[in-house]
């Protein structure tokens, strides 16, 4: 697991994209902003659900830094 990525995201207040498997086996993509970490879980704001959630590290299948999406209106 990429705990280094999560620590860096927490320190720098950056969001992370994760692929998460819930307890019932449902897999979803989430963008999260980490609030707090424990050795086995993340407490984070889930942008998909618009609420704080707890994510077990063992259920995070993959993770990467959130990429900025550029549109033509942002490019001058």
N, C-alpha and C. Protein backbone atom coordinates (compact mmCIF):
# COMPACT_ATOMS: atom_id res chain seq x y z
N UNK A 1 0.85 -1.18 0.00
CA UNK A 1 0.00 0.00 0.00
C UNK A 1 0.88 1.24 0.00
N UNK A 2 0.41 2.28 -0.59
CA UNK A 2 1.18 3.50 -0.75
C UNK A 2 0.96 4.46 0.42
N UNK A 3 1.38 4.07 1.61
CA UNK A 3 1.17 4.93 2.77
C UNK A 3 1.95 6.24 2.64
N UNK A 4 3.07 6.22 1.91
CA UNK A 4 3.83 7.45 1.67
C UNK A 4 3.01 8.47 0.90
N UNK A 5 2.27 8.01 -0.08
CA UNK A 5 1.38 8.88 -0.85
C UNK A 5 0.31 9.49 0.07
N UNK A 6 -0.25 8.67 0.94
CA UNK A 6 -1.31 9.16 1.83
C UNK A 6 -0.75 10.18 2.84
N UNK A 7 0.42 9.91 3.37
CA UNK A 7 1.04 10.86 4.31
C UNK A 7 1.33 12.19 3.63
N UNK A 8 1.88 12.13 2.43
CA UNK A 8 2.20 13.34 1.67
C UNK A 8 0.91 14.11 1.34
N UNK A 9 -0.12 13.40 0.96
CA UNK A 9 -1.40 14.04 0.64
C UNK A 9 -2.00 14.71 1.86
N UNK A 10 -1.87 14.09 3.01
CA UNK A 10 -2.37 14.67 4.25
C UNK A 10 -1.58 15.94 4.59
N UNK A 11 -0.26 15.86 4.53
CA UNK A 11 0.60 17.00 4.87
C UNK A 11 0.40 18.17 3.91
N UNK A 12 0.23 17.87 2.62
CA UNK A 12 0.13 18.93 1.62
C UNK A 12 -1.32 19.27 1.25
N UNK A 13 -2.27 18.62 1.90
CA UNK A 13 -3.69 18.83 1.67
C UNK A 13 -4.06 18.64 0.20
N UNK A 14 -3.60 17.53 -0.37
CA UNK A 14 -3.89 17.18 -1.76
C UNK A 14 -4.85 16.00 -1.80
N UNK A 15 -5.69 15.95 -2.79
CA UNK A 15 -6.63 14.83 -2.90
C UNK A 15 -5.96 13.65 -3.59
N UNK A 16 -6.57 12.48 -3.40
CA UNK A 16 -6.06 11.21 -3.91
C UNK A 16 -7.21 10.48 -4.59
N UNK A 17 -6.93 9.85 -5.72
CA UNK A 17 -7.90 8.96 -6.36
C UNK A 17 -7.62 7.54 -5.88
N UNK A 18 -8.67 6.86 -5.46
CA UNK A 18 -8.51 5.47 -5.01
C UNK A 18 -9.54 4.58 -5.70
N UNK A 19 -9.20 3.32 -5.80
CA UNK A 19 -10.16 2.28 -6.16
C UNK A 19 -10.39 1.52 -4.87
N UNK A 20 -11.66 1.47 -4.43
CA UNK A 20 -11.98 0.94 -3.11
C UNK A 20 -12.98 -0.19 -3.21
N UNK A 21 -12.75 -1.24 -2.42
CA UNK A 21 -13.69 -2.36 -2.35
C UNK A 21 -14.38 -2.33 -1.00
N UNK A 22 -15.70 -2.17 -1.01
CA UNK A 22 -16.46 -2.11 0.23
C UNK A 22 -16.57 -3.50 0.87
N UNK A 23 -17.07 -3.54 2.07
CA UNK A 23 -17.20 -4.80 2.81
C UNK A 23 -18.06 -5.82 2.06
N UNK A 24 -19.05 -5.31 1.29
CA UNK A 24 -19.92 -6.24 0.54
C UNK A 24 -19.36 -6.58 -0.84
N UNK A 25 -18.14 -6.12 -1.16
CA UNK A 25 -17.48 -6.48 -2.40
C UNK A 25 -17.66 -5.51 -3.54
N UNK A 26 -18.44 -4.46 -3.35
CA UNK A 26 -18.66 -3.46 -4.40
C UNK A 26 -17.38 -2.64 -4.60
N UNK A 27 -16.99 -2.45 -5.86
CA UNK A 27 -15.77 -1.70 -6.18
C UNK A 27 -16.16 -0.36 -6.77
N UNK A 28 -15.52 0.71 -6.28
CA UNK A 28 -15.82 2.05 -6.78
C UNK A 28 -14.55 2.89 -6.83
N UNK A 29 -14.61 3.91 -7.69
CA UNK A 29 -13.52 4.88 -7.76
C UNK A 29 -13.94 6.08 -6.93
N UNK A 30 -13.04 6.54 -6.07
CA UNK A 30 -13.32 7.68 -5.20
C UNK A 30 -12.18 8.69 -5.28
N UNK A 31 -12.53 9.95 -5.15
CA UNK A 31 -11.54 10.99 -4.93
C UNK A 31 -11.72 11.42 -3.48
N UNK A 32 -10.64 11.36 -2.71
CA UNK A 32 -10.73 11.65 -1.29
C UNK A 32 -9.72 12.71 -0.88
N UNK A 33 -10.06 13.42 0.18
CA UNK A 33 -9.14 14.36 0.84
C UNK A 33 -8.95 13.84 2.25
N UNK A 34 -7.74 13.44 2.57
CA UNK A 34 -7.45 12.77 3.83
C UNK A 34 -7.47 13.77 4.98
N UNK A 35 -8.18 13.38 6.04
CA UNK A 35 -8.28 14.19 7.25
C UNK A 35 -7.35 13.65 8.33
N UNK A 36 -7.31 12.31 8.45
CA UNK A 36 -6.51 11.68 9.49
C UNK A 36 -6.19 10.25 9.07
N UNK A 37 -5.04 9.77 9.53
CA UNK A 37 -4.62 8.39 9.24
C UNK A 37 -4.41 7.63 10.53
N UNK A 38 -4.72 6.35 10.50
CA UNK A 38 -4.34 5.42 11.56
C UNK A 38 -3.54 4.31 10.88
N UNK A 39 -2.96 3.40 11.64
CA UNK A 39 -2.19 2.34 10.98
C UNK A 39 -3.00 1.47 10.01
N UNK A 40 -4.33 1.41 10.21
CA UNK A 40 -5.13 0.54 9.34
C UNK A 40 -6.26 1.23 8.58
N UNK A 41 -6.40 2.56 8.72
CA UNK A 41 -7.49 3.22 8.02
C UNK A 41 -7.20 4.68 7.73
N UNK A 42 -8.01 5.22 6.82
CA UNK A 42 -7.98 6.64 6.49
C UNK A 42 -9.33 7.24 6.84
N UNK A 43 -9.33 8.39 7.48
CA UNK A 43 -10.54 9.18 7.66
C UNK A 43 -10.43 10.29 6.65
N UNK A 44 -11.40 10.38 5.75
CA UNK A 44 -11.27 11.30 4.63
C UNK A 44 -12.62 11.84 4.19
N UNK A 45 -12.56 12.98 3.53
CA UNK A 45 -13.74 13.51 2.88
C UNK A 45 -13.83 12.85 1.51
N UNK A 46 -14.95 12.19 1.23
CA UNK A 46 -15.18 11.54 -0.05
C UNK A 46 -15.93 12.51 -0.95
N UNK A 47 -15.31 12.90 -2.05
CA UNK A 47 -15.92 13.86 -2.97
C UNK A 47 -17.13 13.25 -3.70
N UNK A 48 -17.12 11.94 -3.91
CA UNK A 48 -18.25 11.27 -4.57
C UNK A 48 -19.49 11.29 -3.69
N UNK A 49 -19.33 10.97 -2.41
CA UNK A 49 -20.45 10.90 -1.47
C UNK A 49 -20.72 12.24 -0.77
N UNK A 50 -19.78 13.19 -0.93
CA UNK A 50 -19.88 14.50 -0.29
C UNK A 50 -20.08 14.38 1.22
N UNK A 51 -19.25 13.52 1.81
CA UNK A 51 -19.32 13.28 3.25
C UNK A 51 -18.01 12.66 3.72
N UNK A 52 -17.79 12.74 5.04
CA UNK A 52 -16.62 12.09 5.61
C UNK A 52 -16.88 10.58 5.68
N UNK A 53 -15.84 9.83 5.36
CA UNK A 53 -15.93 8.38 5.36
C UNK A 53 -14.65 7.80 5.97
N UNK A 54 -14.75 6.55 6.40
CA UNK A 54 -13.60 5.79 6.87
C UNK A 54 -13.28 4.75 5.81
N UNK A 55 -12.02 4.70 5.39
CA UNK A 55 -11.58 3.74 4.38
C UNK A 55 -10.52 2.83 5.00
N UNK A 56 -10.76 1.54 4.99
CA UNK A 56 -9.76 0.59 5.48
C UNK A 56 -8.64 0.48 4.46
N UNK A 57 -7.41 0.59 4.91
CA UNK A 57 -6.27 0.50 3.99
C UNK A 57 -6.27 -0.84 3.26
N UNK A 58 -6.68 -1.90 3.94
CA UNK A 58 -6.69 -3.22 3.32
C UNK A 58 -7.71 -3.33 2.19
N UNK A 59 -8.67 -2.41 2.11
CA UNK A 59 -9.69 -2.44 1.05
C UNK A 59 -9.39 -1.47 -0.09
N UNK A 60 -8.28 -0.73 0.01
CA UNK A 60 -7.89 0.17 -1.08
C UNK A 60 -7.08 -0.66 -2.07
N UNK A 61 -7.65 -0.83 -3.26
CA UNK A 61 -7.02 -1.69 -4.27
C UNK A 61 -5.92 -0.97 -5.04
N UNK A 62 -6.09 0.34 -5.25
CA UNK A 62 -5.05 1.14 -5.90
C UNK A 62 -5.25 2.60 -5.52
N UNK A 63 -4.19 3.38 -5.70
CA UNK A 63 -4.26 4.80 -5.37
C UNK A 63 -3.25 5.56 -6.21
N UNK A 64 -3.59 6.83 -6.47
CA UNK A 64 -2.68 7.72 -7.19
C UNK A 64 -3.07 9.16 -6.88
N UNK A 65 -2.12 10.07 -7.03
CA UNK A 65 -2.46 11.48 -6.81
C UNK A 65 -3.53 11.91 -7.81
N UNK A 66 -4.43 12.75 -7.39
CA UNK A 66 -5.45 13.28 -8.29
C UNK A 66 -4.79 14.20 -9.30
N UNK A 67 -5.11 14.01 -10.54
CA UNK A 67 -4.56 14.82 -11.61
C UNK A 67 -5.50 15.99 -11.89
N UNK A 68 -4.91 17.15 -12.16
CA UNK A 68 -5.72 18.29 -12.56
C UNK A 68 -6.20 18.10 -13.98
N UNK A 69 -7.43 18.45 -14.23
CA UNK A 69 -7.99 18.35 -15.57
C UNK A 69 -7.97 19.74 -16.19
N UNK A 70 -7.31 19.88 -17.29
CA UNK A 70 -7.21 21.16 -17.98
C UNK A 70 -8.27 21.24 -19.06
N UNK A 71 -8.90 22.38 -19.16
CA UNK A 71 -9.84 22.63 -20.25
C UNK A 71 -9.35 23.82 -21.03
N UNK A 72 -9.85 24.00 -22.21
CA UNK A 72 -9.39 25.10 -23.05
C UNK A 72 -9.66 26.45 -22.41
N UNK A 73 -10.68 26.54 -21.57
CA UNK A 73 -10.98 27.82 -20.92
C UNK A 73 -9.95 28.18 -19.85
N UNK A 74 -9.19 27.19 -19.38
CA UNK A 74 -8.17 27.46 -18.37
C UNK A 74 -6.83 27.84 -18.99
N UNK A 75 -6.67 27.54 -20.25
CA UNK A 75 -5.39 27.81 -20.92
C UNK A 75 -5.48 29.17 -21.59
N UNK A 76 -4.54 30.04 -21.25
CA UNK A 76 -4.59 31.38 -21.86
C UNK A 76 -3.57 31.51 -22.98
